[in-house]
């Protein structure tokens, strides 16, 4: 799993997150690439929820 896939699985919009908070994004990406995804989630459990609410993936309901 790469970082983009991880963000999608957590329903976080990668582009919005990257453009709005690039420092945190880079930090997360660097950490994610060094540890297992489950460890990353465990370390950032409460922050992931905050980021998910701040940068949600937009869903097209017309389909």
PDB file of N, CA and C in Angstrom:
ATOM      1  N   UNK A   1       0.858  -1.171   0.000  1.00  0.00           N
ATOM      2  CA  UNK A   1       0.000   0.000   0.000  1.00  0.00           C
ATOM      3  C   UNK A   1       0.908   1.239   0.000  1.00  0.00           C
ATOM      4  N   UNK A   2       0.594   2.173  -0.875  1.00  0.00           N
ATOM      5  CA  UNK A   2       1.343   3.428  -0.867  1.00  0.00           C
ATOM      6  C   UNK A   2       0.531   4.507  -0.124  1.00  0.00           C
ATOM      7  N   UNK A   3       1.125   5.670   0.028  1.00  0.00           N
ATOM      8  CA  UNK A   3       0.490   6.720   0.827  1.00  0.00           C
ATOM      9  C   UNK A   3      -0.813   7.213   0.192  1.00  0.00           C
ATOM     10  N   UNK A   4      -0.840   7.307  -1.116  1.00  0.00           N
ATOM     11  CA  UNK A   4      -2.066   7.733  -1.803  1.00  0.00           C
ATOM     12  C   UNK A   4      -3.206   6.736  -1.542  1.00  0.00           C
ATOM     13  N   UNK A   5      -2.920   5.462  -1.647  1.00  0.00           N
ATOM     14  CA  UNK A   5      -3.925   4.432  -1.385  1.00  0.00           C
ATOM     15  C   UNK A   5      -4.388   4.478   0.075  1.00  0.00           C
ATOM     16  N   UNK A   6      -3.451   4.745   0.961  1.00  0.00           N
ATOM     17  CA  UNK A   6      -3.794   4.853   2.381  1.00  0.00           C
ATOM     18  C   UNK A   6      -4.783   5.996   2.607  1.00  0.00           C
ATOM     19  N   UNK A   7      -4.490   7.150   2.020  1.00  0.00           N
ATOM     20  CA  UNK A   7      -5.387   8.298   2.188  1.00  0.00           C
ATOM     21  C   UNK A   7      -6.774   8.005   1.626  1.00  0.00           C
ATOM     22  N   UNK A   8      -6.837   7.353   0.501  1.00  0.00           N
ATOM     23  CA  UNK A   8      -8.125   6.976  -0.083  1.00  0.00           C
ATOM     24  C   UNK A   8      -8.868   6.037   0.861  1.00  0.00           C
ATOM     25  N   UNK A   9      -8.158   5.085   1.439  1.00  0.00           N
ATOM     26  CA  UNK A   9      -8.808   4.142   2.364  1.00  0.00           C
ATOM     27  C   UNK A   9      -9.348   4.841   3.606  1.00  0.00           C
ATOM     28  N   UNK A  10      -8.737   5.959   3.962  1.00  0.00           N
ATOM     29  CA  UNK A  10      -9.184   6.740   5.120  1.00  0.00           C
ATOM     30  C   UNK A  10     -10.134   7.867   4.708  1.00  0.00           C
ATOM     31  N   UNK A  11     -10.487   7.892   3.414  1.00  0.00           N
ATOM     32  CA  UNK A  11     -11.424   8.882   2.854  1.00  0.00           C
ATOM     33  C   UNK A  11     -10.914  10.313   3.000  1.00  0.00           C
ATOM     34  N   UNK A  12      -9.612  10.478   2.744  1.00  0.00           N
ATOM     35  CA  UNK A  12      -8.964  11.793   2.799  1.00  0.00           C
ATOM     36  C   UNK A  12      -8.568  12.176   1.377  1.00  0.00           C
ATOM     37  N   UNK A  13      -8.932  13.380   0.972  1.00  0.00           N
ATOM     38  CA  UNK A  13      -8.592  13.887  -0.353  1.00  0.00           C
ATOM     39  C   UNK A  13      -7.112  14.280  -0.382  1.00  0.00           C
ATOM     40  N   UNK A  14      -6.321  13.509  -1.111  1.00  0.00           N
ATOM     41  CA  UNK A  14      -4.871  13.708  -1.160  1.00  0.00           C
ATOM     42  C   UNK A  14      -4.512  15.106  -1.653  1.00  0.00           C
ATOM     43  N   UNK A  15      -5.093  15.531  -2.746  1.00  0.00           N
ATOM     44  CA  UNK A  15      -4.733  16.826  -3.329  1.00  0.00           C
ATOM     45  C   UNK A  15      -5.109  17.989  -2.417  1.00  0.00           C
ATOM     46  N   UNK A  16      -6.271  17.929  -1.852  1.00  0.00           N
ATOM     47  CA  UNK A  16      -6.717  18.979  -0.943  1.00  0.00           C
ATOM     48  C   UNK A  16      -5.814  19.040   0.288  1.00  0.00           C
ATOM     49  N   UNK A  17      -5.511  17.892   0.857  1.00  0.00           N
ATOM     50  CA  UNK A  17      -4.631  17.805   2.014  1.00  0.00           C
ATOM     51  C   UNK A  17      -3.239  18.330   1.668  1.00  0.00           C
ATOM     52  N   UNK A  18      -2.695  17.883   0.562  1.00  0.00           N
ATOM     53  CA  UNK A  18      -1.345  18.280   0.151  1.00  0.00           C
ATOM     54  C   UNK A  18      -1.254  19.781  -0.115  1.00  0.00           C
ATOM     55  N   UNK A  19      -2.253  20.338  -0.748  1.00  0.00           N
ATOM     56  CA  UNK A  19      -2.226  21.763  -1.094  1.00  0.00           C
ATOM     57  C   UNK A  19      -2.526  22.663   0.101  1.00  0.00           C
ATOM     58  N   UNK A  20      -3.310  22.176   1.033  1.00  0.00           N
ATOM     59  CA  UNK A  20      -3.724  23.004   2.171  1.00  0.00           C
ATOM     60  C   UNK A  20      -2.779  22.930   3.358  1.00  0.00           C
ATOM     61  N   UNK A  21      -2.151  21.799   3.550  1.00  0.00           N
ATOM     62  CA  UNK A  21      -1.276  21.612   4.716  1.00  0.00           C
ATOM     63  C   UNK A  21      -0.056  20.803   4.285  1.00  0.00           C
ATOM     64  N   UNK A  22       0.756  21.399   3.442  1.00  0.00           N
ATOM     65  CA  UNK A  22       1.868  20.671   2.821  1.00  0.00           C
ATOM     66  C   UNK A  22       2.902  20.170   3.820  1.00  0.00           C
ATOM     67  N   UNK A  23       3.153  20.921   4.889  1.00  0.00           N
ATOM     68  CA  UNK A  23       4.141  20.471   5.874  1.00  0.00           C
ATOM     69  C   UNK A  23       3.700  19.186   6.570  1.00  0.00           C
ATOM     70  N   UNK A  24       2.460  19.143   7.023  1.00  0.00           N
ATOM     71  CA  UNK A  24       1.942  17.937   7.663  1.00  0.00           C
ATOM     72  C   UNK A  24       1.880  16.793   6.661  1.00  0.00           C
ATOM     73  N   UNK A  25       1.460  17.092   5.453  1.00  0.00           N
ATOM     74  CA  UNK A  25       1.382  16.065   4.419  1.00  0.00           C
ATOM     75  C   UNK A  25       2.756  15.429   4.195  1.00  0.00           C
ATOM     76  N   UNK A  26       3.778  16.234   4.022  1.00  0.00           N
ATOM     77  CA  UNK A  26       5.136  15.725   3.784  1.00  0.00           C
ATOM     78  C   UNK A  26       5.634  14.912   4.981  1.00  0.00           C
ATOM     79  N   UNK A  27       5.345  15.389   6.158  1.00  0.00           N
ATOM     80  CA  UNK A  27       5.754  14.683   7.370  1.00  0.00           C
ATOM     81  C   UNK A  27       5.078  13.316   7.432  1.00  0.00           C
ATOM     82  N   UNK A  28       3.786  13.293   7.196  1.00  0.00           N
ATOM     83  CA  UNK A  28       3.039  12.026   7.207  1.00  0.00           C
ATOM     84  C   UNK A  28       3.551  11.077   6.131  1.00  0.00           C
ATOM     85  N   UNK A  29       3.748  11.597   4.942  1.00  0.00           N
ATOM     86  CA  UNK A  29       4.205  10.753   3.843  1.00  0.00           C
ATOM     87  C   UNK A  29       5.566  10.137   4.166  1.00  0.00           C
ATOM     88  N   UNK A  30       6.453  10.925   4.715  1.00  0.00           N
ATOM     89  CA  UNK A  30       7.774  10.437   5.086  1.00  0.00           C
ATOM     90  C   UNK A  30       7.669   9.344   6.157  1.00  0.00           C
ATOM     91  N   UNK A  31       6.890   9.594   7.178  1.00  0.00           N
ATOM     92  CA  UNK A  31       6.703   8.604   8.253  1.00  0.00           C
ATOM     93  C   UNK A  31       6.038   7.346   7.719  1.00  0.00           C
ATOM     94  N   UNK A  32       5.005   7.523   6.909  1.00  0.00           N
ATOM     95  CA  UNK A  32       4.270   6.381   6.358  1.00  0.00           C
ATOM     96  C   UNK A  32       5.194   5.462   5.565  1.00  0.00           C
ATOM     97  N   UNK A  33       6.112   6.043   4.818  1.00  0.00           N
ATOM     98  CA  UNK A  33       7.024   5.260   3.988  1.00  0.00           C
ATOM     99  C   UNK A  33       8.067   4.500   4.809  1.00  0.00           C
ATOM    100  N   UNK A  34       8.173   4.806   6.090  1.00  0.00           N
ATOM    101  CA  UNK A  34       9.159   4.149   6.937  1.00  0.00           C
ATOM    102  C   UNK A  34       8.571   3.067   7.851  1.00  0.00           C
ATOM    103  N   UNK A  35       7.248   3.087   8.045  1.00  0.00           N
ATOM    104  CA  UNK A  35       6.637   2.126   8.969  1.00  0.00           C
ATOM    105  C   UNK A  35       5.440   1.438   8.310  1.00  0.00           C
ATOM    106  N   UNK A  36       4.938   0.445   8.973  1.00  0.00           N
ATOM    107  CA  UNK A  36       3.778  -0.303   8.484  1.00  0.00           C
ATOM    108  C   UNK A  36       2.528   0.583   8.575  1.00  0.00           C
ATOM    109  N   UNK A  37       1.598   0.470   7.607  1.00  0.00           N
ATOM    110  CA  UNK A  37       0.375   1.288   7.639  1.00  0.00           C
ATOM    111  C   UNK A  37      -0.420   1.174   8.943  1.00  0.00           C
ATOM    112  N   UNK A  38      -0.468  -0.013   9.525  1.00  0.00           N
ATOM    113  CA  UNK A  38      -1.207  -0.158  10.782  1.00  0.00           C
ATOM    114  C   UNK A  38      -0.523   0.587  11.923  1.00  0.00           C
ATOM    115  N   UNK A  39       0.789   0.586  11.924  1.00  0.00           N
ATOM    116  CA  UNK A  39       1.531   1.343  12.936  1.00  0.00           C
ATOM    117  C   UNK A  39       1.312   2.841  12.744  1.00  0.00           C
ATOM    118  N   UNK A  40       1.287   3.256  11.497  1.00  0.00           N
ATOM    119  CA  UNK A  40       1.044   4.667  11.203  1.00  0.00           C
ATOM    120  C   UNK A  40      -0.333   5.079  11.717  1.00  0.00           C
ATOM    121  N   UNK A  41      -1.329   4.273  11.453  1.00  0.00           N
ATOM    122  CA  UNK A  41      -2.685   4.563  11.913  1.00  0.00           C
ATOM    123  C   UNK A  41      -2.736   4.617  13.434  1.00  0.00           C
ATOM    124  N   UNK A  42      -2.085   3.675  14.070  1.00  0.00           N
ATOM    125  CA  UNK A  42      -2.084   3.639  15.530  1.00  0.00           C
ATOM    126  C   UNK A  42      -1.425   4.891  16.117  1.00  0.00           C
ATOM    127  N   UNK A  43      -0.354   5.334  15.520  1.00  0.00           N
ATOM    128  CA  UNK A  43       0.359   6.519  16.012  1.00  0.00           C
ATOM    129  C   UNK A  43      -0.425   7.802  15.790  1.00  0.00           C
ATOM    130  N   UNK A  44      -1.259   7.825  14.749  1.00  0.00           N
ATOM    131  CA  UNK A  44      -1.954   9.054  14.358  1.00  0.00           C
ATOM    132  C   UNK A  44      -3.470   8.921  14.407  1.00  0.00           C
ATOM    133  N   UNK A  45      -3.948   8.003  15.195  1.00  0.00           N
ATOM    134  CA  UNK A  45      -5.367   7.652  15.210  1.00  0.00           C
ATOM    135  C   UNK A  45      -6.294   8.867  15.332  1.00  0.00           C
ATOM    136  N   UNK A  46      -6.043   9.714  16.290  1.00  0.00           N
ATOM    137  CA  UNK A  46      -6.942  10.845  16.521  1.00  0.00           C
ATOM    138  C   UNK A  46      -6.738  11.961  15.498  1.00  0.00           C
ATOM    139  N   UNK A  47      -5.537  12.089  15.009  1.00  0.00           N
ATOM    140  CA  UNK A  47      -5.259  13.115  14.000  1.00  0.00           C
ATOM    141  C   UNK A  47      -5.861  12.714  12.651  1.00  0.00           C
ATOM    142  N   UNK A  48      -5.844  11.430  12.341  1.00  0.00           N
ATOM    143  CA  UNK A  48      -6.431  10.956  11.080  1.00  0.00           C
ATOM    144  C   UNK A  48      -7.896  11.356  11.007  1.00  0.00           C
ATOM    145  N   UNK A  49      -8.631  11.201  12.085  1.00  0.00           N
ATOM    146  CA  UNK A  49     -10.048  11.572  12.080  1.00  0.00           C
ATOM    147  C   UNK A  49     -10.233  13.068  11.856  1.00  0.00           C
ATOM    148  N   UNK A  50      -9.394  13.866  12.464  1.00  0.00           N
ATOM    149  CA  UNK A  50      -9.453  15.316  12.283  1.00  0.00           C
ATOM    150  C   UNK A  50      -9.177  15.692  10.819  1.00  0.00           C
ATOM    151  N   UNK A  51      -8.159  15.093  10.243  1.00  0.00           N
ATOM    152  CA  UNK A  51      -7.793  15.370   8.851  1.00  0.00           C
ATOM    153  C   UNK A  51      -8.884  14.868   7.900  1.00  0.00           C
ATOM    154  N   UNK A  52      -9.480  13.740   8.202  1.00  0.00           N
ATOM    155  CA  UNK A  52     -10.567  13.195   7.360  1.00  0.00           C
ATOM    156  C   UNK A  52     -11.746  14.164   7.306  1.00  0.00           C
ATOM    157  N   UNK A  53     -12.063  14.769   8.436  1.00  0.00           N
ATOM    158  CA  UNK A  53     -13.168  15.740   8.458  1.00  0.00           C
ATOM    159  C   UNK A  53     -12.787  17.043   7.760  1.00  0.00           C
ATOM    160  N   UNK A  54     -11.533  17.397   7.826  1.00  0.00           N
ATOM    161  CA  UNK A  54     -11.071  18.653   7.233  1.00  0.00           C
ATOM    162  C   UNK A  54     -10.900  18.551   5.718  1.00  0.00           C
ATOM    163  N   UNK A  55     -10.441  17.380   5.223  1.00  0.00           N
ATOM    164  CA  UNK A  55     -10.166  17.184   3.793  1.00  0.00           C
ATOM    165  C   UNK A  55     -10.865  15.932   3.265  1.00  0.00           C
ATOM    166  N   UNK A  56     -12.190  15.907   3.287  1.00  0.00           N
ATOM    167  CA  UNK A  56     -12.913  14.695   2.850  1.00  0.00           C
ATOM    168  C   UNK A  56     -12.874  14.527   1.330  1.00  0.00           C
ATOM    169  N   UNK A  57     -12.927  13.285   0.906  1.00  0.00           N
ATOM    170  CA  UNK A  57     -13.051  12.997  -0.519  1.00  0.00           C
ATOM    171  C   UNK A  57     -14.471  13.379  -0.934  1.00  0.00           C
ATOM    172  N   UNK A  58     -14.571  14.122  -1.995  1.00  0.00           N
ATOM    173  CA  UNK A  58     -15.892  14.499  -2.498  1.00  0.00           C
ATOM    174  C   UNK A  58     -16.485  13.322  -3.266  1.00  0.00           C
ATOM    175  N   UNK A  59     -17.716  12.978  -2.914  1.00  0.00           N
ATOM    176  CA  UNK A  59     -18.394  11.844  -3.542  1.00  0.00           C
ATOM    177  C   UNK A  59     -19.452  12.373  -4.481  1.00  0.00           C
ATOM    178  N   UNK A  60     -19.465  11.830  -5.671  1.00  0.00           N
ATOM    179  CA  UNK A  60     -20.465  12.211  -6.667  1.00  0.00           C
ATOM    180  C   UNK A  60     -21.705  11.357  -6.465  1.00  0.00           C
ATOM    181  N   UNK A  61     -22.800  11.980  -6.008  1.00  0.00           N
ATOM    182  CA  UNK A  61     -24.024  11.232  -5.712  1.00  0.00           C
ATOM    183  C   UNK A  61     -24.942  11.085  -6.917  1.00  0.00           C
ATOM    184  N   UNK A  62     -24.559  11.608  -8.074  1.00  0.00           N
ATOM    185  CA  UNK A  62     -25.382  11.531  -9.276  1.00  0.00           C
ATOM    186  C   UNK A  62     -25.336  10.160  -9.932  1.00  0.00           C
ATOM    187  N   UNK A  63     -24.362   9.352  -9.594  1.00  0.00           N
ATOM    188  CA  UNK A  63     -24.180   8.032 -10.229  1.00  0.00           C
ATOM    189  C   UNK A  63     -25.235   7.051  -9.818  1.00  0.00           C
TER     190      UNK A  63
END
